[in-house]
Structure formats: structure tokens, C-alpha cells
Amino acid sequence: MGMDIGIMKFEYLERPGGVVYDFACEMAVEGADDAYMFGEGGSCIPFTQRQVLRMLDEFTRERGLSPQERLEIRSWLASLPWIGGWQDALPPSDGRDQEDDYYPVVDNDDGRDGGIIELHFSW
């Protein structure tokens, strides 16, 4: 077994405003259990499309978002550079993404939960 070495490159995205920014903050908080940290005030968090859509459903309910606000967030999510792409329709969930030990980068190798993205959050 050998050691592989790679280069991580951050592509900073335009900071969203309004309700989209609020949702991005929620992503950083909700994904904290799966985060790996970078220095002080920075973390990288992997997500699948199914995970963020579940988060969006919960965020919509909790905040009482209008259909337009929900669509604004969903459109932003779909515009992100997902590995495997954004899917307009996902197959029915098998529930695995709700398990405590689910890790998107490893456990979604069949793409059943949609694309994968790792976001860097910095404060």
C-alpha cells in the first residue's frame, strides 16, 4: 500500500444573500458532525443532494418559507458544482443517508442519493 498525495483547491463562490445565505449557514451548522476542520473558523463538509434536499424541507417548515423562497434556495443548490451532477429526480430513499454512520463521500458510491459536494465554510 502506498501513499497518495493530492492538491486541494478552493473555488470561492459568490456569497449568497437573504434566505439563501440563511440556509447556507444552516448547512454549516447541520453538517458540523461530518466536518473536518481547517484552522480557526473553517470547516469542510460533504453533502449529498438528498441530504441538502431534506435539510431544505426542514428549513422550509421551520421558517415558514414561501414557495418562492424555497425555489430560490433550491435553484442556488442546483447551481453548485456537484460531483455527479444535480439530478432533477432522485430514486426513492432507502434510508441509508439518515444513519448516524453515513458518510456521503464513501457511502454514496452508487449515486443513489444524488451528486456529492464538499463545501468549505469559513468565518
Protein backbone atom coordinates (compact mmCIF):
# COMPACT_ATOMS: atom_id res chain seq x y z
CA MET A 1 0.00 0.00 0.00
CA GLY A 2 1.37 3.40 -0.93
CA MET A 3 0.57 6.93 -0.02
CA ASP A 4 -1.31 9.14 -2.45
CA ILE A 5 -0.82 12.88 -2.43
CA GLY A 6 -3.26 15.38 -3.85
CA ILE A 7 -3.85 19.08 -4.06
CA MET A 8 -6.97 20.62 -2.62
CA LYS A 9 -8.08 23.75 -4.36
CA PHE A 10 -10.82 26.04 -3.08
CA GLU A 11 -13.06 27.78 -5.54
CA TYR A 12 -14.76 30.53 -3.58
CA LEU A 13 -18.34 31.07 -4.60
CA GLU A 14 -20.18 34.35 -4.62
CA ARG A 15 -21.69 34.84 -1.18
CA PRO A 16 -25.46 34.43 -1.47
CA GLY A 17 -27.81 36.87 0.15
CA GLY A 18 -31.08 36.74 2.01
CA VAL A 19 -32.76 33.43 2.69
CA VAL A 20 -30.13 31.55 0.67
CA TYR A 21 -27.40 32.86 2.99
CA ASP A 22 -29.50 31.80 5.98
CA PHE A 23 -29.80 28.31 4.52
CA ALA A 24 -26.05 28.13 3.83
CA CYS A 25 -25.44 28.97 7.50
CA GLU A 26 -27.84 26.19 8.44
CA MET A 27 -25.87 23.78 6.21
CA ALA A 28 -22.69 24.66 8.12
CA VAL A 29 -24.38 24.02 11.46
CA GLU A 30 -26.26 20.85 10.46
CA GLY A 31 -23.23 19.32 8.75
CA ALA A 32 -20.84 20.02 11.63
CA ASP A 33 -20.83 16.37 12.76
CA ASP A 34 -19.35 15.33 9.40
CA ALA A 35 -16.97 18.27 9.13
CA TYR A 36 -13.24 18.27 9.13
CA MET A 37 -11.70 21.47 10.37
CA PHE A 38 -9.21 23.84 8.78
CA GLY A 39 -7.51 26.15 11.23
CA GLU A 40 -9.57 28.55 13.24
CA GLY A 41 -13.06 29.20 11.88
CA GLY A 42 -13.00 26.94 8.84
CA SER A 43 -14.51 23.58 8.02
CA CYS A 44 -15.13 21.32 5.04
CA ILE A 45 -18.38 19.38 4.97
CA PRO A 46 -19.51 16.78 2.43
CA PHE A 47 -23.18 16.55 1.44
CA THR A 48 -25.28 14.53 -0.96
CA GLN A 49 -28.12 16.06 -2.90
CA ARG A 50 -30.63 14.03 -0.89
CA GLN A 51 -29.20 15.35 2.38
CA VAL A 52 -29.48 19.01 1.35
CA LEU A 53 -32.99 18.49 0.00
CA ARG A 54 -34.02 17.01 3.36
CA MET A 55 -32.39 19.97 5.08
CA LEU A 56 -34.28 22.30 2.75
CA ASP A 57 -37.59 20.61 3.57
CA GLU A 58 -36.94 21.02 7.30
CA PHE A 59 -35.69 24.60 6.88
CA THR A 60 -38.82 25.44 4.86
CA ARG A 61 -41.10 24.04 7.57
CA GLU A 62 -39.25 25.66 10.46
CA ARG A 63 -39.04 29.09 8.85
CA GLY A 64 -42.40 29.01 7.10
CA LEU A 65 -40.77 29.87 3.76
CA SER A 66 -42.85 30.86 0.79
CA PRO A 67 -42.71 28.69 -2.34
CA GLN A 68 -40.62 31.44 -3.99
CA GLU A 69 -38.07 31.47 -1.15
CA ARG A 70 -37.81 27.68 -1.27
CA LEU A 71 -37.31 27.78 -5.03
CA GLU A 72 -34.60 30.44 -4.62
CA ILE A 73 -32.65 28.14 -2.29
CA ARG A 74 -33.20 25.06 -4.47
CA SER A 75 -32.02 26.96 -7.55
CA TRP A 76 -28.86 28.02 -5.72
CA LEU A 77 -28.24 24.43 -4.63
CA ALA A 78 -28.73 23.14 -8.19
CA SER A 79 -26.25 25.74 -9.49
CA LEU A 80 -23.42 24.41 -7.31
CA PRO A 81 -20.70 22.23 -8.91
CA TRP A 82 -21.94 18.81 -7.75
CA ILE A 83 -19.74 15.79 -8.40
CA GLY A 84 -22.03 13.54 -10.39
CA GLY A 85 -24.28 16.47 -11.24
CA TRP A 86 -27.60 17.67 -9.84
CA GLN A 87 -30.48 15.29 -10.52
CA ASP A 88 -33.96 16.69 -11.06
CA ALA A 89 -35.49 13.49 -9.64
CA LEU A 90 -33.87 11.09 -7.21
CA PRO A 91 -34.86 7.44 -6.77
CA PRO A 92 -36.83 6.71 -3.59
CA SER A 93 -34.71 6.83 -0.46
CA ASP A 94 -33.54 3.59 1.09
CA GLY A 95 -32.97 5.48 4.37
CA ARG A 96 -29.23 4.92 4.49
CA ASP A 97 -28.43 8.64 4.41
CA GLN A 98 -30.21 9.05 7.73
CA GLU A 99 -27.98 6.57 9.55
CA ASP A 100 -25.54 8.05 12.09
CA ASP A 101 -22.51 6.49 10.39
CA TYR A 102 -23.44 7.58 6.83
CA TYR A 103 -20.58 9.43 5.16
CA PRO A 104 -21.53 10.90 1.75
CA VAL A 105 -18.17 10.53 0.02
CA VAL A 106 -17.90 6.82 0.83
CA ASP A 107 -21.48 5.61 1.21
CA ASN A 108 -22.96 7.16 -1.94
CA ASP A 109 -20.67 5.44 -4.43
CA ASP A 110 -23.68 4.29 -6.46
CA GLY A 111 -25.05 7.87 -6.72
CA ARG A 112 -28.43 6.83 -5.33
CA ASP A 113 -28.53 9.93 -3.13
CA GLY A 114 -27.67 12.28 -5.99
CA GLY A 115 -24.48 14.21 -6.53
CA ILE A 116 -21.89 14.92 -3.87
CA ILE A 117 -20.40 18.25 -2.92
CA GLU A 118 -17.86 19.22 -0.28
CA LEU A 119 -18.28 22.80 0.81
CA HIS A 120 -15.74 24.90 2.66
CA PHE A 121 -17.24 27.23 5.24
CA SER A 122 -15.06 29.98 6.65
CA TRP A 123 -15.86 32.55 9.33
